Amino acid sequence: MKSFSLVILAFCLAGCSSAQSGAAPAAPDTYKVAFELSKGPVVIEVTRADAPNGADRFYQLVKAGYFDGARFFRVIPGFMAQFGIAADPAVTKKWDTPIQDDPVKQTNARGTLTFAATSQPNSRSTQLFINFADNGRLDASGFAPFGKVVSGMEFVDQINPEYRENPDQEEITNKGNAYLEKEFPRLDYIKTARVL
């Protein structure tokens, strides 16, 4: 009976320590995410081996419903469409923790999905962009694609570019969609994002 109790205690301690570590589960080796955009449906296929840290974070964000209602706040024709600041500032704040950089294994080709970053190492957090064109020049700067649009690129191409880089990212972070809906009402957005 005593040895059985020790086994149970050891099992509980192992479970507690792994739960307390806060390590989020890894994403599947490959998975697809269905985006319902204001322009139409888009499906992105992710290959974890291309950029494991990015693929894991994206998976966690989608599973948490992070992107629901998020706007495409930086749209530059012929270059990319950026998103990833949540509709609700409290949600943005909760997830605003950086992840480790991934080595670049794929080029930033048209339709690829990549995390945005500053010039500082390990600065990727929640913001991403979809490449409108072949942007291989980004590869040398450490932008590591981990997914690609496999259907609905025609809807990505229709994302409204009229405001270009005008929305202030600090204002979006602090006020969320309340700021964007007032100042930039015609931004396209993600209605829902779900893992298939």
C-alpha atoms as a PDB file:
ATOM      1  CA  MET A   1       0.000   0.000   0.000  1.00  0.00           C
ATOM      2  CA  LYS A   2       2.854   2.353   0.868  1.00  0.00           C
ATOM      3  CA  SER A   3       4.617   1.789  -2.484  1.00  0.00           C
ATOM      4  CA  PHE A   4       1.322   2.346  -4.345  1.00  0.00           C
ATOM      5  CA  SER A   5       0.896   5.678  -2.529  1.00  0.00           C
ATOM      6  CA  LEU A   6       4.422   6.716  -3.499  1.00  0.00           C
ATOM      7  CA  VAL A   7       3.705   5.918  -7.145  1.00  0.00           C
ATOM      8  CA  ILE A   8       0.529   8.021  -7.022  1.00  0.00           C
ATOM      9  CA  LEU A   9       2.432  10.861  -5.310  1.00  0.00           C
ATOM     10  CA  ALA A  10       5.199  10.745  -7.926  1.00  0.00           C
ATOM     11  CA  PHE A  11       2.604  10.758 -10.733  1.00  0.00           C
ATOM     12  CA  CYS A  12       0.844  13.779  -9.180  1.00  0.00           C
ATOM     13  CA  LEU A  13       4.106  15.662  -8.706  1.00  0.00           C
ATOM     14  CA  ALA A  14       5.101  15.018 -12.334  1.00  0.00           C
ATOM     15  CA  GLY A  15       1.720  16.216 -13.542  1.00  0.00           C
ATOM     16  CA  CYS A  16       1.809  19.292 -11.340  1.00  0.00           C
ATOM     17  CA  SER A  17       5.302  20.301 -12.403  1.00  0.00           C
ATOM     18  CA  SER A  18       4.465  20.032 -16.104  1.00  0.00           C
ATOM     19  CA  ALA A  19       1.246  21.996 -15.616  1.00  0.00           C
ATOM     20  CA  GLN A  20       3.077  24.701 -13.675  1.00  0.00           C
ATOM     21  CA  SER A  21       5.757  25.015 -16.348  1.00  0.00           C
ATOM     22  CA  GLY A  22       3.150  26.621 -18.601  1.00  0.00           C
ATOM     23  CA  ALA A  23       4.547  24.927 -21.675  1.00  0.00           C
ATOM     24  CA  ALA A  24       1.932  25.166 -24.387  1.00  0.00           C
ATOM     25  CA  PRO A  25       1.372  22.088 -26.515  1.00  0.00           C
ATOM     26  CA  ALA A  26       3.137  21.921 -29.853  1.00  0.00           C
ATOM     27  CA  ALA A  27       1.117  22.263 -33.024  1.00  0.00           C
ATOM     28  CA  PRO A  28       0.581  19.248 -35.300  1.00  0.00           C
ATOM     29  CA  ASP A  29       3.220  18.624 -37.976  1.00  0.00           C
ATOM     30  CA  THR A  30       0.815  20.074 -40.528  1.00  0.00           C
ATOM     31  CA  TYR A  31      -2.540  21.738 -40.031  1.00  0.00           C
ATOM     32  CA  LYS A  32      -4.959  24.013 -41.838  1.00  0.00           C
ATOM     33  CA  VAL A  33      -6.698  27.135 -40.595  1.00  0.00           C
ATOM     34  CA  ALA A  34      -9.922  28.444 -42.127  1.00  0.00           C
ATOM     35  CA  PHE A  35     -10.177  32.219 -42.081  1.00  0.00           C
ATOM     36  CA  GLU A  36     -13.561  33.747 -42.780  1.00  0.00           C
ATOM     37  CA  LEU A  37     -12.567  37.198 -43.997  1.00  0.00           C
ATOM     38  CA  SER A  38     -14.864  40.112 -44.666  1.00  0.00           C
ATOM     39  CA  LYS A  39     -13.967  39.505 -48.342  1.00  0.00           C
ATOM     40  CA  GLY A  40     -14.459  35.707 -48.342  1.00  0.00           C
ATOM     41  CA  PRO A  41     -13.048  32.371 -47.134  1.00  0.00           C
ATOM     42  CA  VAL A  42      -9.314  31.702 -47.020  1.00  0.00           C
ATOM     43  CA  VAL A  43      -7.516  28.509 -45.993  1.00  0.00           C
ATOM     44  CA  ILE A  44      -3.910  28.527 -44.788  1.00  0.00           C
ATOM     45  CA  GLU A  45      -1.840  25.365 -44.533  1.00  0.00           C
ATOM     46  CA  VAL A  46       0.933  25.334 -41.938  1.00  0.00           C
ATOM     47  CA  THR A  47       4.017  23.113 -41.982  1.00  0.00           C
ATOM     48  CA  ARG A  48       5.515  23.126 -38.506  1.00  0.00           C
ATOM     49  CA  ALA A  49       8.996  22.072 -39.679  1.00  0.00           C
ATOM     50  CA  ASP A  50       9.309  25.313 -41.646  1.00  0.00           C
ATOM     51  CA  ALA A  51       9.285  27.439 -38.468  1.00  0.00           C
ATOM     52  CA  PRO A  52       8.271  25.475 -35.343  1.00  0.00           C
ATOM     53  CA  ASN A  53       8.067  28.390 -32.898  1.00  0.00           C
ATOM     54  CA  GLY A  54       5.954  30.441 -35.289  1.00  0.00           C
ATOM     55  CA  ALA A  55       3.716  27.497 -36.172  1.00  0.00           C
ATOM     56  CA  ASP A  56       3.132  26.713 -32.486  1.00  0.00           C
ATOM     57  CA  ARG A  57       2.280  30.316 -31.580  1.00  0.00           C
ATOM     58  CA  PHE A  58      -0.095  30.673 -34.538  1.00  0.00           C
ATOM     59  CA  TYR A  59      -1.828  27.421 -33.557  1.00  0.00           C
ATOM     60  CA  GLN A  60      -2.252  28.620 -29.960  1.00  0.00           C
ATOM     61  CA  LEU A  61      -3.602  31.999 -31.069  1.00  0.00           C
ATOM     62  CA  VAL A  62      -6.134  30.451 -33.446  1.00  0.00           C
ATOM     63  CA  LYS A  63      -7.289  27.901 -30.847  1.00  0.00           C
ATOM     64  CA  ALA A  64      -7.816  30.776 -28.381  1.00  0.00           C
ATOM     65  CA  GLY A  65      -9.960  32.745 -30.868  1.00  0.00           C
ATOM     66  CA  TYR A  66      -7.404  35.548 -30.796  1.00  0.00           C
ATOM     67  CA  PHE A  67      -7.912  36.669 -34.402  1.00  0.00           C
ATOM     68  CA  ASP A  68     -11.713  36.848 -34.367  1.00  0.00           C
ATOM     69  CA  GLY A  69     -12.635  40.409 -35.325  1.00  0.00           C
ATOM     70  CA  ALA A  70      -9.020  41.501 -35.911  1.00  0.00           C
ATOM     71  CA  ARG A  71      -8.447  44.066 -38.647  1.00  0.00           C
ATOM     72  CA  PHE A  72      -5.898  44.130 -41.472  1.00  0.00           C
ATOM     73  CA  PHE A  73      -4.390  47.397 -40.251  1.00  0.00           C
ATOM     74  CA  ARG A  74      -1.351  47.686 -42.542  1.00  0.00           C
ATOM     75  CA  VAL A  75      -1.962  46.889 -46.188  1.00  0.00           C
ATOM     76  CA  ILE A  76       0.602  47.801 -48.831  1.00  0.00           C
ATOM     77  CA  PRO A  77      -0.337  46.878 -52.416  1.00  0.00           C
ATOM     78  CA  GLY A  78       2.221  44.668 -54.108  1.00  0.00           C
ATOM     79  CA  PHE A  79       3.850  43.893 -50.769  1.00  0.00           C
ATOM     80  CA  MET A  80       1.767  42.491 -47.893  1.00  0.00           C
ATOM     81  CA  ALA A  81      -1.295  42.634 -45.613  1.00  0.00           C
ATOM     82  CA  GLN A  82      -0.549  42.769 -41.877  1.00  0.00           C
ATOM     83  CA  PHE A  83      -2.803  41.783 -38.970  1.00  0.00           C
ATOM     84  CA  GLY A  84      -2.532  40.371 -35.457  1.00  0.00           C
ATOM     85  CA  ILE A  85      -3.544  43.036 -32.972  1.00  0.00           C
ATOM     86  CA  ALA A  86      -6.665  41.677 -31.293  1.00  0.00           C
ATOM     87  CA  ALA A  87     -10.050  43.391 -31.392  1.00  0.00           C
ATOM     88  CA  ASP A  88      -9.963  43.661 -27.586  1.00  0.00           C
ATOM     89  CA  PRO A  89      -6.921  45.385 -25.996  1.00  0.00           C
ATOM     90  CA  ALA A  90      -7.064  43.055 -22.984  1.00  0.00           C
ATOM     91  CA  VAL A  91      -6.616  40.069 -25.290  1.00  0.00           C
ATOM     92  CA  THR A  92      -3.685  41.729 -27.065  1.00  0.00           C
ATOM     93  CA  LYS A  93      -2.009  42.398 -23.719  1.00  0.00           C
ATOM     94  CA  LYS A  94      -2.498  38.812 -22.559  1.00  0.00           C
ATOM     95  CA  TRP A  95      -0.677  37.414 -25.595  1.00  0.00           C
ATOM     96  CA  ASP A  96       1.988  40.089 -25.993  1.00  0.00           C
ATOM     97  CA  THR A  97       4.940  37.867 -25.114  1.00  0.00           C
ATOM     98  CA  PRO A  98       7.697  37.276 -27.651  1.00  0.00           C
ATOM     99  CA  ILE A  99       8.734  33.924 -29.063  1.00  0.00           C
ATOM    100  CA  GLN A 100      12.155  32.748 -30.129  1.00  0.00           C
ATOM    101  CA  ASP A 101      13.196  33.348 -33.708  1.00  0.00           C
ATOM    102  CA  ASP A 102      13.109  30.498 -36.203  1.00  0.00           C
ATOM    103  CA  PRO A 103      15.719  30.038 -38.920  1.00  0.00           C
ATOM    104  CA  VAL A 104      14.410  30.933 -42.370  1.00  0.00           C
ATOM    105  CA  LYS A 105      13.816  27.699 -44.294  1.00  0.00           C
ATOM    106  CA  GLN A 106      11.294  28.916 -46.885  1.00  0.00           C
ATOM    107  CA  THR A 107      11.240  32.058 -48.971  1.00  0.00           C
ATOM    108  CA  ASN A 108       8.649  34.800 -48.524  1.00  0.00           C
ATOM    109  CA  ALA A 109       6.798  33.847 -51.683  1.00  0.00           C
ATOM    110  CA  ARG A 110       3.393  35.149 -52.699  1.00  0.00           C
ATOM    111  CA  GLY A 111       0.714  33.777 -50.370  1.00  0.00           C
ATOM    112  CA  THR A 112       3.051  32.803 -47.528  1.00  0.00           C
ATOM    113  CA  LEU A 113       2.265  33.661 -43.911  1.00  0.00           C
ATOM    114  CA  THR A 114       5.037  35.111 -41.763  1.00  0.00           C
ATOM    115  CA  PHE A 115       5.324  36.696 -38.321  1.00  0.00           C
ATOM    116  CA  ALA A 116       6.164  40.390 -38.277  1.00  0.00           C
ATOM    117  CA  ALA A 117       9.107  41.428 -36.122  1.00  0.00           C
ATOM    118  CA  THR A 118      11.179  44.444 -35.183  1.00  0.00           C
ATOM    119  CA  SER A 119      14.881  44.695 -35.919  1.00  0.00           C
ATOM    120  CA  GLN A 120      15.539  43.194 -32.478  1.00  0.00           C
ATOM    121  CA  PRO A 121      16.071  39.425 -32.128  1.00  0.00           C
ATOM    122  CA  ASN A 122      13.245  37.292 -30.726  1.00  0.00           C
ATOM    123  CA  SER A 123      10.642  40.052 -31.106  1.00  0.00           C
ATOM    124  CA  ARG A 124       7.843  38.077 -32.805  1.00  0.00           C
ATOM    125  CA  SER A 125       4.626  38.076 -30.812  1.00  0.00           C
ATOM    126  CA  THR A 126       1.164  38.141 -32.428  1.00  0.00           C
ATOM    127  CA  GLN A 127       1.452  40.205 -35.606  1.00  0.00           C
ATOM    128  CA  LEU A 128       1.625  38.438 -38.948  1.00  0.00           C
ATOM    129  CA  PHE A 129       1.478  39.261 -42.617  1.00  0.00           C
ATOM    130  CA  ILE A 130       0.472  37.561 -45.840  1.00  0.00           C
ATOM    131  CA  ASN A 131       2.744  38.278 -48.779  1.00  0.00           C
ATOM    132  CA  PHE A 132       0.940  39.707 -51.810  1.00  0.00           C
ATOM    133  CA  ALA A 133       4.050  39.163 -53.960  1.00  0.00           C
ATOM    134  CA  ASP A 134       7.305  37.252 -53.963  1.00  0.00           C
ATOM    135  CA  ASN A 135       9.205  39.111 -51.237  1.00  0.00           C
ATOM    136  CA  GLY A 136      12.376  37.042 -51.061  1.00  0.00           C
ATOM    137  CA  ARG A 137      14.313  40.131 -49.949  1.00  0.00           C
ATOM    138  CA  LEU A 138      12.767  39.591 -46.489  1.00  0.00           C
ATOM    139  CA  ASP A 139      14.451  36.215 -46.068  1.00  0.00           C
ATOM    140  CA  ALA A 140      17.864  37.665 -45.196  1.00  0.00           C
ATOM    141  CA  SER A 141      16.240  39.817 -42.488  1.00  0.00           C
ATOM    142  CA  GLY A 142      15.036  36.726 -40.605  1.00  0.00           C
ATOM    143  CA  PHE A 143      11.352  36.676 -41.592  1.00  0.00           C
ATOM    144  CA  ALA A 144      10.534  32.963 -41.482  1.00  0.00           C
ATOM    145  CA  PRO A 145       7.380  31.827 -43.332  1.00  0.00           C
ATOM    146  CA  PHE A 146       5.549  28.896 -41.763  1.00  0.00           C
ATOM    147  CA  GLY A 147       2.323  28.697 -43.746  1.00  0.00           C
ATOM    148  CA  LYS A 148       0.789  29.481 -47.108  1.00  0.00           C
ATOM    149  CA  VAL A 149      -2.603  30.291 -48.541  1.00  0.00           C
ATOM    150  CA  VAL A 150      -3.899  27.165 -50.286  1.00  0.00           C
ATOM    151  CA  SER A 151      -7.312  28.548 -51.207  1.00  0.00           C
ATOM    152  CA  GLY A 152      -8.903  31.988 -51.303  1.00  0.00           C
ATOM    153  CA  MET A 153      -5.875  34.047 -52.370  1.00  0.00           C
ATOM    154  CA  GLU A 154      -8.261  36.012 -54.576  1.00  0.00           C
ATOM    155  CA  PHE A 155      -9.920  37.271 -51.380  1.00  0.00           C
ATOM    156  CA  VAL A 156      -6.572  38.165 -49.817  1.00  0.00           C
ATOM    157  CA  ASP A 157      -5.830  40.206 -52.947  1.00  0.00           C
ATOM    158  CA  GLN A 158      -9.042  42.173 -52.357  1.00  0.00           C
ATOM    159  CA  ILE A 159      -8.152  43.322 -48.812  1.00  0.00           C
ATOM    160  CA  ASN A 160      -8.739  47.085 -48.676  1.00  0.00           C
ATOM    161  CA  PRO A 161      -5.447  49.015 -49.044  1.00  0.00           C
ATOM    162  CA  GLU A 162      -6.842  52.551 -48.847  1.00  0.00           C
ATOM    163  CA  TYR A 163      -5.439  53.334 -45.395  1.00  0.00           C
ATOM    164  CA  ARG A 164      -2.048  51.747 -46.116  1.00  0.00           C
ATOM    165  CA  GLU A 165       0.118  52.308 -42.987  1.00  0.00           C
ATOM    166  CA  ASN A 166      -1.978  55.087 -41.446  1.00  0.00           C
ATOM    167  CA  PRO A 167      -3.591  53.254 -38.491  1.00  0.00           C
ATOM    168  CA  ASP A 168      -1.397  53.841 -35.445  1.00  0.00           C
ATOM    169  CA  GLN A 169      -0.328  50.501 -33.984  1.00  0.00           C
ATOM    170  CA  GLU A 170       0.009  51.864 -30.459  1.00  0.00           C
ATOM    171  CA  GLU A 171      -3.537  53.212 -30.638  1.00  0.00           C
ATOM    172  CA  ILE A 172      -4.801  49.845 -31.906  1.00  0.00           C
ATOM    173  CA  THR A 173      -2.973  48.069 -29.086  1.00  0.00           C
ATOM    174  CA  ASN A 174      -4.458  50.415 -26.465  1.00  0.00           C
ATOM    175  CA  LYS A 175      -7.989  50.837 -27.855  1.00  0.00           C
ATOM    176  CA  GLY A 176      -8.552  47.890 -30.198  1.00  0.00           C
ATOM    177  CA  ASN A 177     -11.405  47.955 -32.664  1.00  0.00           C
ATOM    178  CA  ALA A 178     -13.037  50.944 -30.951  1.00  0.00           C
ATOM    179  CA  TYR A 179     -10.263  53.095 -32.438  1.00  0.00           C
ATOM    180  CA  LEU A 180     -10.215  51.381 -35.830  1.00  0.00           C
ATOM    181  CA  GLU A 181     -13.979  51.374 -36.356  1.00  0.00           C
ATOM    182  CA  LYS A 182     -14.117  55.103 -35.635  1.00  0.00           C
ATOM    183  CA  GLU A 183     -11.069  56.266 -37.590  1.00  0.00           C
ATOM    184  CA  PHE A 184     -10.702  53.605 -40.308  1.00  0.00           C
ATOM    185  CA  PRO A 185     -14.177  52.124 -40.775  1.00  0.00           C
ATOM    186  CA  ARG A 186     -13.532  50.386 -44.099  1.00  0.00           C
ATOM    187  CA  LEU A 187     -10.688  48.125 -42.973  1.00  0.00           C
ATOM    188  CA  ASP A 188     -11.179  44.495 -43.901  1.00  0.00           C
ATOM    189  CA  TYR A 189     -11.088  41.991 -41.084  1.00  0.00           C
ATOM    190  CA  ILE A 190     -11.104  38.384 -39.924  1.00  0.00           C
ATOM    191  CA  LYS A 191     -14.587  37.298 -38.880  1.00  0.00           C
ATOM    192  CA  THR A 192     -13.345  33.971 -37.507  1.00  0.00           C
ATOM    193  CA  ALA A 193     -10.228  31.778 -37.657  1.00  0.00           C
ATOM    194  CA  ARG A 194     -10.519  28.072 -36.850  1.00  0.00           C
ATOM    195  CA  VAL A 195      -8.212  25.059 -37.039  1.00  0.00           C
ATOM    196  CA  LEU A 196      -9.681  22.501 -39.452  1.00  0.00           C
END
